[in-house]
Amino acid sequence: MKHIKYTFLSVCCLLAVNIATAQFSVYGSAGISGLKYNPEGGTSSTGSGFGGGISYFRSMSRSWEIGLAAEMATYSSKASFGTLSERYEHGTGENKSRISYSLKGYEEKQNITALSIPLILRYHYYATRRTLLYLSGGVKLGLPVSTQASINPGTVDASGEYEYEGQTYTNLPQHGFPEGMKLPETKSKIDLGYSVAATLEAGMLFKRLYIGLFLDYGLNDMRKTKDRHALEYQEQNSSTFVYNSILNTGLVDKINLFSTGLKIGIRF
């Protein structure tokens, strides 16, 4: 993956040097756009998103162009669990315990805004004197600039097993071990890395207006952190919960960017 990034950046630099001979476009897009992942024990769905950007293309021959763009786009996804359960160790020394919890009716919505730099190779031909058809493909480097998980944890049953006491505590909400307690909705940041995506587009250009259909699919796993738990306890206050996005836990195997929809632009 590093070789792809270095090659990508090298070609971008070469294109930037020849910017004076380029044709520019501005465009907007909308469609199905989100993160693709399979949560263990739950379901996920991809939501809608929109974006916009500016691009320029240099002619390589009568039918071929190479181009570079900069765009901002939004992505949304949702995960749901009938029951989300985890078991892990918490604390150290005599305070060390084994925490077990179950969240019933857990839902999480993820919203991402990303800055992307697509590198595109485009083939085109004239269907009529005024109408040009095109097919393009390439690679897109994306960097998340804003991430947020809106979490509705539902109700919780929790217990703590303390080895040095030989005791298992349940139904003690004042110590962080409630039964059937409704938890408040909250928000959390999602820790994500960069995305390298393959991108395809097909459409038509009439005079200066163009319209096309596009598809972006992530080639790499965007997970940056995966060792957290959806529900954790504060070290200094075991009765207070800390919430994390499931995208930063071991409940998700991998995360890929996905987007498809309609793109409309004006070429100068």
Protein backbone atom coordinates (compact mmCIF):
# COMPACT_ATOMS: atom_id res chain seq x y z
CA MET A 1 0.00 0.00 0.00
CA LYS A 2 2.93 2.39 0.61
CA HIS A 3 4.10 1.96 -3.00
CA ILE A 4 0.65 2.99 -4.21
CA LYS A 5 0.74 6.16 -2.11
CA TYR A 6 4.24 7.17 -3.29
CA THR A 7 3.37 6.55 -6.96
CA PHE A 8 0.12 8.46 -6.50
CA LEU A 9 1.87 11.49 -5.02
CA SER A 10 4.60 11.46 -7.70
CA VAL A 11 2.07 11.56 -10.54
CA CYS A 12 0.13 14.32 -8.76
CA CYS A 13 3.27 16.44 -8.60
CA LEU A 14 3.96 15.94 -12.32
CA LEU A 15 0.41 16.98 -13.18
CA ALA A 16 0.66 20.06 -10.97
CA VAL A 17 3.71 21.27 -12.89
CA ASN A 18 1.66 21.34 -16.11
CA ILE A 19 -1.41 22.99 -14.64
CA ALA A 20 -1.32 25.89 -17.14
CA THR A 21 -2.38 23.60 -20.03
CA ALA A 22 -5.29 21.98 -18.16
CA GLN A 23 -9.06 22.12 -18.52
CA PHE A 24 -10.87 22.75 -15.23
CA SER A 25 -14.20 21.48 -13.93
CA VAL A 26 -16.31 21.99 -10.82
CA TYR A 27 -18.78 19.31 -9.82
CA GLY A 28 -21.18 18.02 -7.21
CA SER A 29 -22.25 14.47 -6.38
CA ALA A 30 -24.90 12.65 -4.36
CA GLY A 31 -25.92 9.05 -3.75
CA ILE A 32 -25.37 6.04 -1.50
CA SER A 33 -22.24 6.75 0.50
CA GLY A 34 -20.82 5.26 3.69
CA LEU A 35 -18.59 2.71 5.35
CA LYS A 36 -18.87 -1.01 4.58
CA TYR A 37 -18.27 -3.38 7.51
CA ASN A 38 -19.70 -6.51 9.13
CA PRO A 39 -20.31 -6.12 12.89
CA GLU A 40 -20.09 -9.35 14.88
CA GLY A 41 -23.55 -10.22 16.14
CA GLY A 42 -25.19 -7.19 14.51
CA THR A 43 -26.21 -5.63 11.20
CA SER A 44 -24.98 -2.59 9.29
CA SER A 45 -26.33 -0.41 6.49
CA THR A 46 -24.92 2.31 4.27
CA GLY A 47 -26.62 5.70 4.21
CA SER A 48 -26.56 8.65 1.84
CA GLY A 49 -23.93 11.29 1.22
CA PHE A 50 -22.98 14.19 -1.01
CA GLY A 51 -19.85 15.95 -2.12
CA GLY A 52 -18.24 18.48 -4.39
CA GLY A 53 -14.87 19.30 -5.84
CA ILE A 54 -12.70 20.80 -8.54
CA SER A 55 -10.72 18.87 -11.15
CA TYR A 56 -8.47 19.43 -14.10
CA PHE A 57 -7.48 17.21 -17.02
CA ARG A 58 -4.58 17.28 -19.45
CA SER A 59 -4.88 15.79 -22.90
CA MET A 60 -2.56 12.85 -23.65
CA SER A 61 -3.94 12.14 -27.15
CA ARG A 62 -7.11 12.70 -29.12
CA SER A 63 -9.08 10.25 -26.95
CA TRP A 64 -7.18 10.04 -23.66
CA GLU A 65 -6.83 12.46 -20.74
CA ILE A 66 -5.24 12.27 -17.32
CA GLY A 67 -6.60 14.31 -14.46
CA LEU A 68 -6.34 15.30 -10.82
CA ALA A 69 -9.01 16.56 -8.43
CA ALA A 70 -9.65 17.71 -4.87
CA GLU A 71 -13.01 17.02 -3.29
CA MET A 72 -14.90 16.95 -0.01
CA ALA A 73 -17.59 14.34 0.60
CA THR A 74 -19.78 13.05 3.41
CA TYR A 75 -20.46 9.41 4.33
CA SER A 76 -23.02 7.87 6.70
CA SER A 77 -23.59 4.37 8.05
CA LYS A 78 -25.58 2.66 10.79
CA ALA A 79 -25.09 -0.41 12.98
CA SER A 80 -27.73 -2.19 15.10
CA PHE A 81 -27.55 -4.98 17.68
CA GLY A 82 -30.32 -6.93 19.35
CA THR A 83 -27.78 -7.69 22.09
CA LEU A 84 -24.18 -6.49 22.17
CA SER A 85 -22.08 -8.39 24.72
CA GLU A 86 -18.42 -8.18 25.74
CA ARG A 87 -16.19 -9.52 28.52
CA TYR A 88 -12.81 -8.03 29.43
CA GLU A 89 -10.42 -7.33 32.31
CA HIS A 90 -10.44 -3.96 34.03
CA GLY A 91 -8.11 -2.30 36.54
CA THR A 92 -4.87 -3.54 38.14
CA GLY A 93 -3.72 -5.15 41.39
CA GLU A 94 -6.38 -5.68 44.02
CA ASN A 95 -8.79 -3.60 41.92
CA LYS A 96 -8.47 -5.94 38.96
CA SER A 97 -11.82 -7.34 37.84
CA ARG A 98 -13.41 -9.18 34.95
CA ILE A 99 -16.20 -7.09 33.47
CA SER A 100 -19.15 -8.58 31.62
CA TYR A 101 -21.92 -6.51 30.09
CA SER A 102 -24.80 -6.80 27.62
CA LEU A 103 -26.37 -3.87 25.81
CA LYS A 104 -29.88 -4.50 24.49
CA GLY A 105 -31.21 -2.40 21.60
CA TYR A 106 -27.83 -0.84 20.76
CA GLU A 107 -27.76 1.50 17.73
CA GLU A 108 -24.95 3.60 16.33
CA LYS A 109 -24.91 6.08 13.44
CA GLN A 110 -21.57 7.09 11.93
CA ASN A 111 -21.02 10.33 10.00
CA ILE A 112 -17.74 11.02 8.21
CA THR A 113 -16.43 13.96 6.19
CA ALA A 114 -13.35 13.22 4.10
CA LEU A 115 -10.97 15.15 1.84
CA SER A 116 -10.04 13.12 -1.24
CA ILE A 117 -7.54 13.49 -4.08
CA PRO A 118 -8.54 11.38 -7.11
CA LEU A 119 -6.04 10.57 -9.87
CA ILE A 120 -8.01 9.72 -13.03
CA LEU A 121 -7.36 8.29 -16.51
CA ARG A 122 -10.21 9.11 -18.91
CA TYR A 123 -11.16 7.82 -22.35
CA HIS A 124 -13.67 9.75 -24.47
CA TYR A 125 -15.13 9.92 -27.95
CA TYR A 126 -17.72 12.05 -29.74
CA ALA A 127 -21.10 10.39 -30.20
CA THR A 128 -22.29 13.49 -32.07
CA ARG A 129 -20.69 16.82 -32.92
CA ARG A 130 -21.79 18.25 -29.59
CA THR A 131 -22.03 15.19 -27.35
CA LEU A 132 -18.99 13.48 -25.89
CA LEU A 133 -19.18 10.15 -24.05
CA TYR A 134 -16.51 9.22 -21.51
CA LEU A 135 -15.33 6.36 -19.32
CA SER A 136 -12.78 6.94 -16.57
CA GLY A 137 -11.03 5.02 -13.84
CA GLY A 138 -8.36 5.62 -11.27
CA VAL A 139 -7.43 5.70 -7.63
CA LYS A 140 -8.54 8.04 -4.86
CA LEU A 141 -6.64 8.88 -1.67
CA GLY A 142 -8.98 9.95 1.14
CA LEU A 143 -8.29 11.48 4.55
CA PRO A 144 -11.04 11.83 7.21
CA VAL A 145 -11.30 15.41 8.46
CA SER A 146 -14.37 14.95 10.68
CA THR A 147 -15.77 11.81 12.32
CA GLN A 148 -18.66 11.30 14.73
CA ALA A 149 -20.59 8.35 16.11
CA SER A 150 -24.07 9.02 17.53
CA ILE A 151 -24.67 6.22 20.03
CA ASN A 152 -27.94 4.98 21.52
CA PRO A 153 -26.66 2.22 23.86
CA GLY A 154 -30.13 1.02 24.92
CA THR A 155 -30.28 -0.80 28.28
CA VAL A 156 -27.38 -2.47 30.08
CA ASP A 157 -26.88 -5.50 32.30
CA ALA A 158 -23.38 -5.53 33.82
CA SER A 159 -21.47 -7.60 36.35
CA GLY A 160 -17.97 -7.58 37.83
CA GLU A 161 -15.99 -10.59 39.01
CA TYR A 162 -13.21 -9.78 41.54
CA GLU A 163 -10.73 -12.64 41.83
CA TYR A 164 -9.09 -11.51 45.09
CA GLU A 165 -12.49 -11.38 46.78
CA GLY A 166 -13.92 -14.41 45.04
CA GLN A 167 -17.09 -12.42 44.46
CA THR A 168 -19.23 -11.56 41.45
CA TYR A 169 -21.24 -8.34 41.81
CA THR A 170 -24.55 -7.75 40.01
CA ASN A 171 -27.44 -5.31 40.39
CA LEU A 172 -25.23 -2.65 42.02
CA PRO A 173 -25.77 0.43 39.80
CA GLN A 174 -23.90 2.69 42.24
CA HIS A 175 -20.76 0.62 41.53
CA GLY A 176 -21.30 0.34 37.78
CA PHE A 177 -23.10 -3.01 37.70
CA PRO A 178 -26.75 -2.23 36.89
CA GLU A 179 -29.47 -4.51 35.57
CA GLY A 180 -31.86 -3.27 32.88
CA MET A 181 -30.74 0.36 33.28
CA LYS A 182 -31.51 2.71 30.38
CA LEU A 183 -28.34 4.51 29.26
CA PRO A 184 -28.33 8.04 27.81
CA GLU A 185 -27.59 8.73 24.16
CA THR A 186 -24.13 10.14 23.52
CA LYS A 187 -21.58 11.01 20.83
CA SER A 188 -18.06 9.78 20.30
CA LYS A 189 -15.21 10.45 17.89
CA ILE A 190 -14.22 7.64 15.50
CA ASP A 191 -10.51 6.98 15.08
CA LEU A 192 -9.99 6.20 11.37
CA GLY A 193 -7.01 6.13 9.04
CA TYR A 194 -6.67 7.02 5.37
CA SER A 195 -8.50 5.32 2.52
CA VAL A 196 -7.21 4.18 -0.87
CA ALA A 197 -10.18 3.58 -3.17
CA ALA A 198 -10.66 2.45 -6.76
CA THR A 199 -12.93 4.83 -8.65
CA LEU A 200 -14.94 4.36 -11.87
CA GLU A 201 -17.14 6.82 -13.74
CA ALA A 202 -19.12 6.85 -16.98
CA GLY A 203 -21.10 9.71 -18.47
CA MET A 204 -21.57 12.31 -21.17
CA LEU A 205 -20.49 15.88 -21.83
CA PHE A 206 -22.80 18.24 -23.72
CA LYS A 207 -21.12 21.54 -24.47
CA ARG A 208 -19.82 22.50 -20.98
CA LEU A 209 -22.23 20.47 -18.86
CA TYR A 210 -21.43 16.88 -17.96
CA ILE A 211 -23.33 14.21 -16.05
CA GLY A 212 -22.18 10.77 -15.02
CA LEU A 213 -22.54 7.77 -12.72
CA PHE A 214 -19.67 6.92 -10.36
CA LEU A 215 -18.54 4.13 -8.07
CA ASP A 216 -15.84 4.31 -5.37
CA TYR A 217 -14.75 1.23 -3.40
CA GLY A 218 -12.09 1.22 -0.68
CA LEU A 219 -9.16 -1.15 -1.18
CA ASN A 220 -7.73 -0.93 2.34
CA ASP A 221 -8.93 -1.35 5.93
CA MET A 222 -9.51 2.11 7.45
CA ARG A 223 -9.32 0.92 11.06
CA LYS A 224 -6.74 2.82 13.08
CA THR A 225 -7.73 1.63 16.57
CA LYS A 226 -9.40 -1.72 17.29
CA ASP A 227 -8.60 -2.56 20.92
CA ARG A 228 -11.30 -0.52 22.66
CA HIS A 229 -14.64 -1.69 24.05
CA ALA A 230 -18.06 -0.27 23.20
CA LEU A 231 -18.64 0.27 26.94
CA GLU A 232 -15.74 0.94 29.31
CA TYR A 233 -15.31 2.04 32.92
CA GLN A 234 -13.35 5.07 34.05
CA GLU A 235 -10.32 4.07 36.11
CA GLN A 236 -11.07 6.57 38.89
CA ASN A 237 -14.86 6.15 38.86
CA SER A 238 -16.20 2.67 38.15
CA SER A 239 -19.82 3.88 38.23
CA THR A 240 -19.27 6.11 35.17
CA PHE A 241 -19.26 4.62 31.68
CA VAL A 242 -17.15 5.63 28.68
CA TYR A 243 -18.63 4.97 25.24
CA ASN A 244 -16.63 4.12 22.10
CA SER A 245 -17.68 3.59 18.51
CA ILE A 246 -17.89 -0.07 17.54
CA LEU A 247 -15.59 0.82 14.61
CA ASN A 248 -12.76 1.08 17.14
CA THR A 249 -13.48 -2.29 18.78
CA GLY A 250 -12.85 -5.92 17.91
CA LEU A 251 -16.53 -6.27 16.93
CA VAL A 252 -15.68 -5.13 13.38
CA ASP A 253 -13.26 -7.07 11.18
CA LYS A 254 -12.47 -4.36 8.60
CA ILE A 255 -13.81 -1.05 7.28
CA ASN A 256 -13.97 -0.10 3.60
CA LEU A 257 -15.13 3.13 2.02
CA PHE A 258 -18.05 2.85 -0.42
CA SER A 259 -19.84 5.41 -2.55
CA THR A 260 -21.97 5.34 -5.69
CA GLY A 261 -24.30 7.83 -7.27
CA LEU A 262 -24.75 10.72 -9.68
CA LYS A 263 -22.18 13.41 -10.53
CA ILE A 264 -22.96 16.68 -12.32
CA GLY A 265 -20.35 19.28 -13.30
CA ILE A 266 -19.40 22.21 -15.51
CA ARG A 267 -16.21 22.19 -17.56
CA PHE A 268 -14.32 25.40 -18.37
